[in-house]
Amino acid sequence: QVQLVESGGGLVQAGGSLRLSCAASGSIFSIADMGWYRQAPGKQRELVAGITPGGSTNYVDAVKGRFTVSRDNAKNTVYLQMNNLKAEDTAVYYCNLAYGRSTRYRYWGQGTQVTVSS
């Protein structure tokens, strides 16, 4: 069983920065794909950024150039550095761990609120 614990959310003014962290329990972190998702009120959950075990990253267009995802396999932790935050970045941010090829296993954190005031 994998547990994911997010931290680092909060209230920030537009143009500010936040750094989210997600710590994973268990021994599979280093072989798992990690992702940050967000869900704003009335909207579907969307993938914001992902990082593979080897460090390859991908981002949704809306955050390219502003957000950076990284991971520390020694600490079983994935990060999301968010710069130049905008009001439209306001959402609950969720950490996701996924592994397995024939069967895909997914785990979610509890979410952390990010609120950007304009």
N, C-alpha and C. Protein backbone atom coordinates (compact mmCIF):
# COMPACT_ATOMS: atom_id res chain seq x y z
N GLN A 1 0.84 -1.18 0.00
CA GLN A 1 0.00 0.00 0.00
C GLN A 1 0.88 1.24 0.00
N VAL A 2 0.53 2.19 -0.84
CA VAL A 2 1.27 3.43 -0.96
C VAL A 2 0.44 4.56 -0.37
N GLN A 3 1.08 5.39 0.40
CA GLN A 3 0.43 6.60 0.90
C GLN A 3 1.19 7.82 0.40
N LEU A 4 0.44 8.82 -0.03
CA LEU A 4 1.01 10.06 -0.53
C LEU A 4 0.53 11.20 0.34
N VAL A 5 1.45 12.03 0.78
CA VAL A 5 1.11 13.15 1.65
C VAL A 5 1.64 14.43 1.02
N GLU A 6 0.70 15.31 0.64
CA GLU A 6 1.08 16.58 0.04
C GLU A 6 1.21 17.66 1.10
N SER A 7 2.02 18.64 0.79
CA SER A 7 2.15 19.80 1.65
C SER A 7 2.60 20.99 0.80
N GLY A 8 2.47 22.18 1.37
CA GLY A 8 2.98 23.36 0.70
C GLY A 8 1.95 24.27 0.08
N GLY A 9 0.69 23.88 0.11
CA GLY A 9 -0.33 24.75 -0.44
C GLY A 9 -0.57 25.96 0.45
N GLY A 10 -1.40 26.88 -0.04
CA GLY A 10 -1.71 28.07 0.75
C GLY A 10 -2.28 29.17 -0.10
N LEU A 11 -2.30 30.34 0.50
CA LEU A 11 -2.81 31.55 -0.16
C LEU A 11 -1.64 32.43 -0.57
N VAL A 12 -1.66 32.86 -1.82
CA VAL A 12 -0.57 33.67 -2.34
C VAL A 12 -1.15 34.70 -3.30
N GLN A 13 -0.50 35.83 -3.40
CA GLN A 13 -0.94 36.85 -4.33
C GLN A 13 -0.49 36.49 -5.75
N ALA A 14 -1.22 36.99 -6.71
CA ALA A 14 -0.84 36.78 -8.10
C ALA A 14 0.59 37.26 -8.33
N GLY A 15 1.34 36.46 -9.08
CA GLY A 15 2.75 36.76 -9.30
C GLY A 15 3.68 36.10 -8.31
N GLY A 16 3.12 35.55 -7.25
CA GLY A 16 3.92 34.91 -6.21
C GLY A 16 4.27 33.47 -6.56
N SER A 17 4.91 32.81 -5.60
CA SER A 17 5.38 31.45 -5.80
C SER A 17 4.98 30.55 -4.64
N LEU A 18 4.83 29.29 -4.94
CA LEU A 18 4.63 28.25 -3.93
C LEU A 18 5.38 27.00 -4.39
N ARG A 19 5.76 26.19 -3.42
CA ARG A 19 6.39 24.92 -3.73
C ARG A 19 5.60 23.81 -3.04
N LEU A 20 5.04 22.93 -3.82
CA LEU A 20 4.33 21.79 -3.28
C LEU A 20 5.27 20.59 -3.16
N SER A 21 5.05 19.80 -2.13
CA SER A 21 5.81 18.57 -1.93
C SER A 21 4.84 17.41 -1.77
N CYS A 22 5.28 16.25 -2.17
CA CYS A 22 4.48 15.04 -2.01
C CYS A 22 5.43 13.92 -1.61
N ALA A 23 5.25 13.44 -0.39
CA ALA A 23 6.08 12.37 0.12
C ALA A 23 5.34 11.04 0.02
N ALA A 24 6.03 10.04 -0.50
CA ALA A 24 5.42 8.73 -0.71
C ALA A 24 6.00 7.70 0.24
N SER A 25 5.14 6.84 0.74
CA SER A 25 5.60 5.71 1.54
C SER A 25 5.86 4.53 0.62
N GLY A 26 6.50 3.50 1.13
CA GLY A 26 6.73 2.29 0.35
C GLY A 26 8.02 2.33 -0.43
N SER A 27 8.20 1.30 -1.25
CA SER A 27 9.48 1.11 -1.91
C SER A 27 9.42 1.21 -3.43
N ILE A 28 8.32 1.67 -3.99
CA ILE A 28 8.18 1.68 -5.44
C ILE A 28 8.35 3.07 -6.05
N PHE A 29 8.60 4.06 -5.20
CA PHE A 29 8.63 5.44 -5.71
C PHE A 29 9.60 5.58 -6.88
N SER A 30 10.77 4.98 -6.76
CA SER A 30 11.82 5.21 -7.77
C SER A 30 11.47 4.62 -9.13
N ILE A 31 10.49 3.72 -9.19
CA ILE A 31 10.11 3.13 -10.48
C ILE A 31 8.74 3.61 -10.95
N ALA A 32 8.20 4.59 -10.26
CA ALA A 32 6.84 5.04 -10.56
C ALA A 32 6.84 6.37 -11.30
N ASP A 33 5.84 6.52 -12.17
CA ASP A 33 5.56 7.82 -12.75
C ASP A 33 4.83 8.67 -11.71
N MET A 34 5.23 9.90 -11.58
CA MET A 34 4.60 10.80 -10.62
C MET A 34 3.95 11.95 -11.36
N GLY A 35 2.80 12.36 -10.85
CA GLY A 35 2.10 13.46 -11.50
C GLY A 35 1.45 14.38 -10.49
N TRP A 36 1.32 15.62 -10.91
CA TRP A 36 0.54 16.61 -10.16
C TRP A 36 -0.71 16.93 -10.99
N TYR A 37 -1.85 16.81 -10.35
CA TYR A 37 -3.12 17.14 -10.96
C TYR A 37 -3.75 18.28 -10.17
N ARG A 38 -4.72 18.94 -10.77
CA ARG A 38 -5.47 19.95 -10.04
C ARG A 38 -6.93 19.91 -10.45
N GLN A 39 -7.74 20.35 -9.51
CA GLN A 39 -9.18 20.41 -9.77
C GLN A 39 -9.72 21.70 -9.19
N ALA A 40 -10.23 22.53 -10.07
CA ALA A 40 -10.86 23.77 -9.66
C ALA A 40 -12.36 23.54 -9.49
N PRO A 41 -13.04 24.36 -8.71
CA PRO A 41 -14.47 24.18 -8.50
C PRO A 41 -15.24 24.14 -9.81
N GLY A 42 -16.06 23.12 -9.98
CA GLY A 42 -16.88 23.00 -11.17
C GLY A 42 -16.15 22.51 -12.40
N LYS A 43 -14.89 22.14 -12.24
CA LYS A 43 -14.10 21.67 -13.38
C LYS A 43 -13.60 20.26 -13.13
N GLN A 44 -13.21 19.61 -14.22
CA GLN A 44 -12.66 18.27 -14.11
C GLN A 44 -11.20 18.34 -13.64
N ARG A 45 -10.77 17.26 -13.02
CA ARG A 45 -9.38 17.18 -12.61
C ARG A 45 -8.51 17.08 -13.86
N GLU A 46 -7.41 17.82 -13.88
CA GLU A 46 -6.54 17.82 -15.04
C GLU A 46 -5.09 17.59 -14.61
N LEU A 47 -4.34 16.95 -15.50
CA LEU A 47 -2.92 16.76 -15.27
C LEU A 47 -2.19 18.08 -15.49
N VAL A 48 -1.42 18.48 -14.50
CA VAL A 48 -0.65 19.72 -14.59
C VAL A 48 0.78 19.43 -15.04
N ALA A 49 1.40 18.44 -14.40
CA ALA A 49 2.79 18.11 -14.71
C ALA A 49 3.06 16.66 -14.33
N GLY A 50 3.94 16.03 -15.10
CA GLY A 50 4.31 14.66 -14.80
C GLY A 50 5.80 14.47 -14.93
N ILE A 51 6.31 13.45 -14.23
CA ILE A 51 7.73 13.15 -14.30
C ILE A 51 7.92 11.65 -14.23
N THR A 52 8.74 11.13 -15.12
CA THR A 52 8.99 9.69 -15.17
C THR A 52 10.09 9.31 -14.19
N PRO A 53 10.28 8.02 -13.98
CA PRO A 53 11.37 7.61 -13.08
C PRO A 53 12.73 8.14 -13.53
N GLY A 54 12.91 8.29 -14.83
CA GLY A 54 14.18 8.78 -15.35
C GLY A 54 14.30 10.29 -15.38
N GLY A 55 13.24 10.99 -15.02
CA GLY A 55 13.30 12.44 -14.94
C GLY A 55 12.72 13.19 -16.13
N SER A 56 12.17 12.50 -17.10
CA SER A 56 11.51 13.20 -18.21
C SER A 56 10.23 13.84 -17.70
N THR A 57 9.97 15.06 -18.17
CA THR A 57 8.83 15.81 -17.66
C THR A 57 7.88 16.22 -18.78
N ASN A 58 6.66 16.47 -18.40
CA ASN A 58 5.68 17.03 -19.33
C ASN A 58 4.76 17.96 -18.54
N TYR A 59 4.22 18.95 -19.24
CA TYR A 59 3.39 19.98 -18.61
C TYR A 59 2.18 20.31 -19.48
N VAL A 60 1.11 20.69 -18.82
CA VAL A 60 -0.01 21.25 -19.56
C VAL A 60 0.41 22.63 -20.06
N ASP A 61 -0.09 23.02 -21.22
CA ASP A 61 0.35 24.27 -21.84
C ASP A 61 0.20 25.47 -20.91
N ALA A 62 -0.85 25.48 -20.09
CA ALA A 62 -1.15 26.64 -19.26
C ALA A 62 -0.07 26.95 -18.23
N VAL A 63 0.77 25.97 -17.90
CA VAL A 63 1.77 26.20 -16.86
C VAL A 63 3.20 26.15 -17.37
N LYS A 64 3.37 25.88 -18.65
CA LYS A 64 4.72 25.80 -19.21
C LYS A 64 5.46 27.12 -19.00
N GLY A 65 6.70 27.01 -18.55
CA GLY A 65 7.50 28.19 -18.29
C GLY A 65 7.29 28.78 -16.91
N ARG A 66 6.28 28.33 -16.20
CA ARG A 66 6.01 28.84 -14.84
C ARG A 66 6.16 27.77 -13.76
N PHE A 67 5.80 26.54 -14.08
CA PHE A 67 5.87 25.44 -13.11
C PHE A 67 7.01 24.49 -13.47
N THR A 68 7.61 23.92 -12.43
CA THR A 68 8.67 22.93 -12.63
C THR A 68 8.43 21.75 -11.70
N VAL A 69 8.37 20.56 -12.28
CA VAL A 69 8.23 19.35 -11.49
C VAL A 69 9.60 18.69 -11.36
N SER A 70 9.86 18.15 -10.18
CA SER A 70 11.13 17.47 -9.94
C SER A 70 10.90 16.36 -8.92
N ARG A 71 11.88 15.49 -8.81
CA ARG A 71 11.74 14.39 -7.86
C ARG A 71 13.09 14.11 -7.20
N ASP A 72 13.01 13.60 -5.99
CA ASP A 72 14.18 13.16 -5.24
C ASP A 72 13.92 11.72 -4.83
N ASN A 73 14.47 10.79 -5.57
CA ASN A 73 14.19 9.38 -5.30
C ASN A 73 14.75 8.93 -3.95
N ALA A 74 15.80 9.58 -3.48
CA ALA A 74 16.36 9.21 -2.19
C ALA A 74 15.42 9.59 -1.04
N LYS A 75 14.57 10.60 -1.29
CA LYS A 75 13.63 11.05 -0.26
C LYS A 75 12.21 10.62 -0.56
N ASN A 76 12.01 9.86 -1.64
CA ASN A 76 10.64 9.45 -2.02
C ASN A 76 9.71 10.65 -2.12
N THR A 77 10.19 11.72 -2.71
CA THR A 77 9.42 12.96 -2.74
C THR A 77 9.43 13.57 -4.14
N VAL A 78 8.27 14.09 -4.52
CA VAL A 78 8.14 14.82 -5.76
C VAL A 78 7.72 16.24 -5.42
N TYR A 79 8.20 17.19 -6.21
CA TYR A 79 7.94 18.60 -5.95
C TYR A 79 7.28 19.26 -7.14
N LEU A 80 6.58 20.33 -6.85
CA LEU A 80 6.05 21.18 -7.91
C LEU A 80 6.35 22.62 -7.51
N GLN A 81 7.31 23.22 -8.21
CA GLN A 81 7.63 24.63 -7.99
C GLN A 81 6.74 25.44 -8.90
N MET A 82 5.97 26.34 -8.30
CA MET A 82 5.02 27.14 -9.06
C MET A 82 5.39 28.61 -8.93
N ASN A 83 5.74 29.21 -10.03
CA ASN A 83 6.13 30.62 -10.06
C ASN A 83 5.14 31.42 -10.88
N ASN A 84 5.16 32.73 -10.66
CA ASN A 84 4.28 33.63 -11.41
C ASN A 84 2.84 33.11 -11.40
N LEU A 85 2.36 32.82 -10.22
CA LEU A 85 1.02 32.23 -10.09
C LEU A 85 -0.05 33.21 -10.53
N LYS A 86 -1.10 32.64 -11.11
CA LYS A 86 -2.23 33.41 -11.61
C LYS A 86 -3.50 32.96 -10.89
N ALA A 87 -4.51 33.81 -10.94
CA ALA A 87 -5.77 33.48 -10.28
C ALA A 87 -6.33 32.16 -10.82
N GLU A 88 -6.14 31.91 -12.09
CA GLU A 88 -6.67 30.68 -12.68
C GLU A 88 -5.92 29.42 -12.25
N ASP A 89 -4.84 29.58 -11.50
CA ASP A 89 -4.16 28.42 -10.93
C ASP A 89 -4.81 27.95 -9.64
N THR A 90 -5.77 28.70 -9.14
CA THR A 90 -6.47 28.34 -7.92
C THR A 90 -7.17 26.99 -8.09
N ALA A 91 -6.88 26.06 -7.21
CA ALA A 91 -7.43 24.71 -7.31
C ALA A 91 -6.93 23.88 -6.13
N VAL A 92 -7.50 22.70 -6.01
CA VAL A 92 -6.91 21.70 -5.12
C VAL A 92 -5.92 20.89 -5.97
N TYR A 93 -4.72 20.78 -5.47
CA TYR A 93 -3.66 20.07 -6.19
C TYR A 93 -3.45 18.69 -5.57
N TYR A 94 -3.42 17.69 -6.43
CA TYR A 94 -3.29 16.30 -5.99
C TYR A 94 -2.02 15.68 -6.56
N CYS A 95 -1.39 14.91 -5.74
CA CYS A 95 -0.23 14.12 -6.16
C CYS A 95 -0.72 12.73 -6.58
N ASN A 96 -0.13 12.21 -7.64
CA ASN A 96 -0.50 10.89 -8.14
C ASN A 96 0.74 10.05 -8.39
N LEU A 97 0.65 8.79 -7.99
CA LEU A 97 1.72 7.83 -8.28
C LEU A 97 1.13 6.73 -9.13
N ALA A 98 1.82 6.37 -10.20
CA ALA A 98 1.33 5.33 -11.10
C ALA A 98 2.47 4.40 -11.47
N TYR A 99 2.20 3.09 -11.44
CA TYR A 99 3.21 2.13 -11.86
C TYR A 99 2.54 0.89 -12.39
N GLY A 100 3.32 0.07 -13.07
CA GLY A 100 2.80 -1.16 -13.65
C GLY A 100 2.57 -0.99 -15.13
N ARG A 101 2.80 -2.05 -15.89
CA ARG A 101 2.61 -2.00 -17.34
C ARG A 101 1.34 -2.71 -17.74
N SER A 102 1.21 -4.00 -17.50
CA SER A 102 0.01 -4.74 -17.90
C SER A 102 -1.18 -4.30 -17.05
N THR A 103 -0.95 -4.06 -15.80
CA THR A 103 -1.97 -3.52 -14.90
C THR A 103 -1.42 -2.22 -14.32
N ARG A 104 -2.20 -1.15 -14.48
CA ARG A 104 -1.75 0.15 -14.03
C ARG A 104 -2.32 0.42 -12.64
N TYR A 105 -1.44 0.61 -11.68
CA TYR A 105 -1.86 0.92 -10.32
C TYR A 105 -1.69 2.41 -10.07
N ARG A 106 -2.69 3.01 -9.47
CA ARG A 106 -2.65 4.45 -9.21
C ARG A 106 -3.00 4.73 -7.76
N TYR A 107 -2.30 5.70 -7.21
CA TYR A 107 -2.57 6.15 -5.85
C TYR A 107 -2.65 7.67 -5.85
N TRP A 108 -3.49 8.20 -4.96
CA TRP A 108 -3.71 9.64 -4.88
C TRP A 108 -3.42 10.14 -3.47
N GLY A 109 -2.92 11.36 -3.41
CA GLY A 109 -2.83 12.04 -2.13
C GLY A 109 -4.17 12.67 -1.79
N GLN A 110 -4.20 13.31 -0.62
CA GLN A 110 -5.45 13.88 -0.13
C GLN A 110 -5.74 15.25 -0.73
N GLY A 111 -4.75 15.85 -1.35
CA GLY A 111 -4.93 17.15 -1.97
C GLY A 111 -4.50 18.28 -1.07
N THR A 112 -4.05 19.36 -1.69
CA THR A 112 -3.68 20.56 -0.96
C THR A 112 -4.22 21.77 -1.72
N GLN A 113 -4.82 22.69 -0.99
CA GLN A 113 -5.47 23.84 -1.61
C GLN A 113 -4.44 24.91 -1.96
N VAL A 114 -4.52 25.40 -3.19
CA VAL A 114 -3.74 26.55 -3.62
C VAL A 114 -4.72 27.63 -4.04
N THR A 115 -4.62 28.78 -3.39
CA THR A 115 -5.49 29.91 -3.71
C THR A 115 -4.64 31.11 -4.09
N VAL A 116 -4.89 31.63 -5.28
CA VAL A 116 -4.14 32.78 -5.78
C VAL A 116 -5.09 33.97 -5.84
N SER A 117 -4.77 35.00 -5.10
CA SER A 117 -5.62 36.19 -5.09
C SER A 117 -5.10 37.19 -6.13
N SER A 118 -6.06 37.80 -6.80
CA SER A 118 -5.68 38.75 -7.86
C SER A 118 -5.72 40.18 -7.36
